[in-house]
Amino acid sequence: EGQSNVTVILNTDRYPAETTMQLEGEGLTMPFPPLSTGSSYERLPYSWCIPNDECLTFTIRDSQGDGICCSYGDGDVTVFLDDEEVFHADSFGSISTSDPFGDGCTTATTTTEATTTTAATTTEATTTTTTTTTTMPITS
């Protein structure tokens, strides 16, 4: 209880050593071991338990800029949060990054309140805007 399960399933292409992955949250980076040429065309699952209030992003990079599908095999990557798919990528070029996911993610909200009072020549208007943004660091 109080934890979520994040699962990443990578199906490698012919050149897995070109692929790097990163899973990050607020002050949290989950490790992925380096891939070698010996893991060509393999299904590689990774799994972590993370706090429920975490907000994460997942990034996959291909150093040759050809993604992991389709020139050199049918590779792909899928990310699940508690068995729900939150991200999928295959033919992406050099980099593909998920939208933020997890219970700790907030979205921008805007609240506008307006009050108009008319008395002779007096008009009063009040507008309040509240924006909450979560910024996730991405390292190269």
Protein backbone atom coordinates (compact mmCIF):
# COMPACT_ATOMS: atom_id res chain seq x y z
CA GLU A 1 0.00 0.00 0.00
CA GLY A 2 1.24 3.51 -0.76
CA GLN A 3 3.26 2.16 -3.69
CA SER A 4 2.78 1.82 -7.44
CA ASN A 5 4.50 -0.61 -9.76
CA VAL A 6 6.31 0.70 -12.85
CA THR A 7 7.22 -1.87 -15.49
CA VAL A 8 9.29 -1.19 -18.60
CA ILE A 9 9.39 -3.86 -21.29
CA LEU A 10 12.06 -3.37 -23.93
CA ASN A 11 12.14 -5.51 -27.05
CA THR A 12 15.59 -4.80 -28.47
CA ASP A 13 16.55 -4.38 -32.10
CA ARG A 14 19.73 -5.66 -33.76
CA TYR A 15 21.88 -2.96 -32.07
CA PRO A 16 20.78 -2.68 -28.42
CA ALA A 17 24.07 -1.06 -27.35
CA GLU A 18 22.81 2.10 -29.15
CA THR A 19 19.82 2.26 -26.77
CA THR A 20 19.73 4.03 -23.39
CA MET A 21 16.73 4.56 -21.15
CA GLN A 22 15.96 6.81 -18.21
CA LEU A 23 13.07 6.84 -15.71
CA GLU A 24 13.01 9.98 -13.58
CA GLY A 25 10.88 11.58 -10.92
CA GLU A 26 11.24 14.44 -8.48
CA GLY A 27 14.65 13.65 -6.98
CA LEU A 28 14.40 10.05 -8.20
CA THR A 29 16.30 8.31 -11.02
CA MET A 30 15.78 4.63 -11.68
CA PRO A 31 18.82 2.77 -13.06
CA PHE A 32 18.91 0.79 -16.29
CA PRO A 33 21.95 -1.38 -16.94
CA PRO A 34 23.87 -0.68 -20.16
CA LEU A 35 22.77 -2.89 -23.04
CA SER A 36 25.29 -4.94 -24.99
CA THR A 37 25.33 -6.34 -28.49
CA GLY A 38 24.68 -9.76 -26.92
CA SER A 39 21.10 -8.73 -26.09
CA SER A 40 19.94 -8.35 -29.73
CA TYR A 41 16.28 -9.22 -30.37
CA GLU A 42 15.56 -9.90 -26.70
CA ARG A 43 12.61 -9.06 -24.44
CA LEU A 44 14.01 -7.29 -21.37
CA PRO A 45 11.58 -6.49 -18.51
CA TYR A 46 12.43 -4.01 -15.73
CA SER A 47 10.24 -3.29 -12.70
CA TRP A 48 10.25 -0.93 -9.69
CA CYS A 49 7.98 -0.06 -6.79
CA ILE A 50 7.67 3.69 -6.42
CA PRO A 51 5.78 5.90 -3.95
CA ASN A 52 2.19 6.65 -5.03
CA ASP A 53 2.77 10.40 -4.92
CA GLU A 54 5.57 10.28 -7.52
CA CYS A 55 5.42 11.95 -10.94
CA LEU A 56 7.65 10.28 -13.53
CA THR A 57 8.89 10.65 -17.10
CA PHE A 58 10.49 7.95 -19.21
CA THR A 59 13.03 8.70 -21.95
CA ILE A 60 14.53 6.34 -24.51
CA ARG A 61 17.43 7.36 -26.75
CA ASP A 62 19.04 5.77 -29.78
CA SER A 63 22.60 6.98 -30.41
CA GLN A 64 22.39 6.29 -34.17
CA GLY A 65 19.09 8.17 -34.59
CA ASP A 66 17.19 5.27 -36.14
CA GLY A 67 15.00 4.31 -33.17
CA ILE A 68 14.54 0.64 -32.38
CA CYS A 69 12.21 -0.21 -35.23
CA CYS A 70 12.15 -1.02 -38.14
CA SER A 71 15.40 -0.85 -40.15
CA TYR A 72 17.29 -3.24 -37.86
CA GLY A 73 14.56 -5.33 -36.23
CA ASP A 74 11.13 -4.79 -34.74
CA GLY A 75 12.12 -3.36 -31.37
CA ASP A 76 9.81 -1.37 -29.13
CA VAL A 77 9.43 -0.22 -25.54
CA THR A 78 6.28 -0.09 -23.41
CA VAL A 79 5.92 1.47 -19.96
CA PHE A 80 3.17 0.42 -17.55
CA LEU A 81 2.02 2.02 -14.31
CA ASP A 82 0.13 -0.57 -12.24
CA ASP A 83 -0.59 -2.63 -15.39
CA GLU A 84 -1.90 0.38 -17.35
CA GLU A 85 0.09 1.34 -20.44
CA VAL A 86 1.36 4.91 -20.11
CA PHE A 87 3.93 5.04 -22.94
CA HIS A 88 4.95 3.16 -26.09
CA ALA A 89 7.65 3.90 -28.68
CA ASP A 90 9.37 2.14 -31.55
CA SER A 91 10.35 4.23 -34.62
CA PHE A 92 11.30 7.51 -32.94
CA GLY A 93 14.65 8.65 -34.34
CA SER A 94 17.10 9.78 -31.63
CA ILE A 95 14.85 10.34 -28.59
CA SER A 96 11.33 9.79 -27.32
CA THR A 97 10.01 10.99 -23.94
CA SER A 98 6.73 10.16 -22.23
CA ASP A 99 4.29 12.67 -20.88
CA PRO A 100 4.55 12.87 -17.08
CA PHE A 101 2.67 10.01 -15.38
CA GLY A 102 1.83 8.93 -11.84
CA ASP A 103 -0.45 10.05 -9.04
CA GLY A 104 1.93 12.86 -8.08
CA CYS A 105 1.61 14.63 -11.42
CA THR A 106 -0.33 17.86 -11.50
CA THR A 107 -1.76 19.58 -14.51
CA ALA A 108 -1.97 23.26 -15.20
CA THR A 109 -5.26 24.67 -14.00
CA THR A 110 -6.65 28.09 -14.61
CA THR A 111 -9.40 29.58 -12.50
CA THR A 112 -10.96 32.83 -13.55
CA GLU A 113 -13.36 34.77 -11.39
CA ALA A 114 -14.97 37.93 -12.66
CA THR A 115 -17.22 40.35 -10.82
CA THR A 116 -18.81 43.29 -12.56
CA THR A 117 -20.64 46.00 -10.65
CA THR A 118 -22.31 48.82 -12.53
CA ALA A 119 -23.28 51.97 -10.69
CA ALA A 120 -23.28 55.15 -12.74
CA THR A 121 -19.79 54.94 -14.33
CA THR A 122 -18.08 52.39 -12.00
CA THR A 123 -17.04 48.97 -13.37
CA GLU A 124 -14.98 46.59 -11.28
CA ALA A 125 -13.42 43.35 -12.56
CA THR A 126 -11.24 40.88 -10.71
CA THR A 127 -9.36 38.05 -12.40
CA THR A 128 -7.42 35.40 -10.51
CA THR A 129 -5.24 32.89 -12.36
CA THR A 130 -3.64 29.92 -10.66
CA THR A 131 -1.17 27.72 -12.53
CA THR A 132 0.55 24.65 -11.16
CA THR A 133 3.30 23.10 -13.25
CA THR A 134 5.48 20.10 -12.55
CA THR A 135 8.90 20.29 -14.18
CA MET A 136 10.85 17.08 -14.66
CA PRO A 137 14.62 17.28 -15.17
CA ILE A 138 16.04 15.44 -18.19
CA THR A 139 19.72 14.79 -18.27
CA SER A 140 21.72 14.00 -21.37
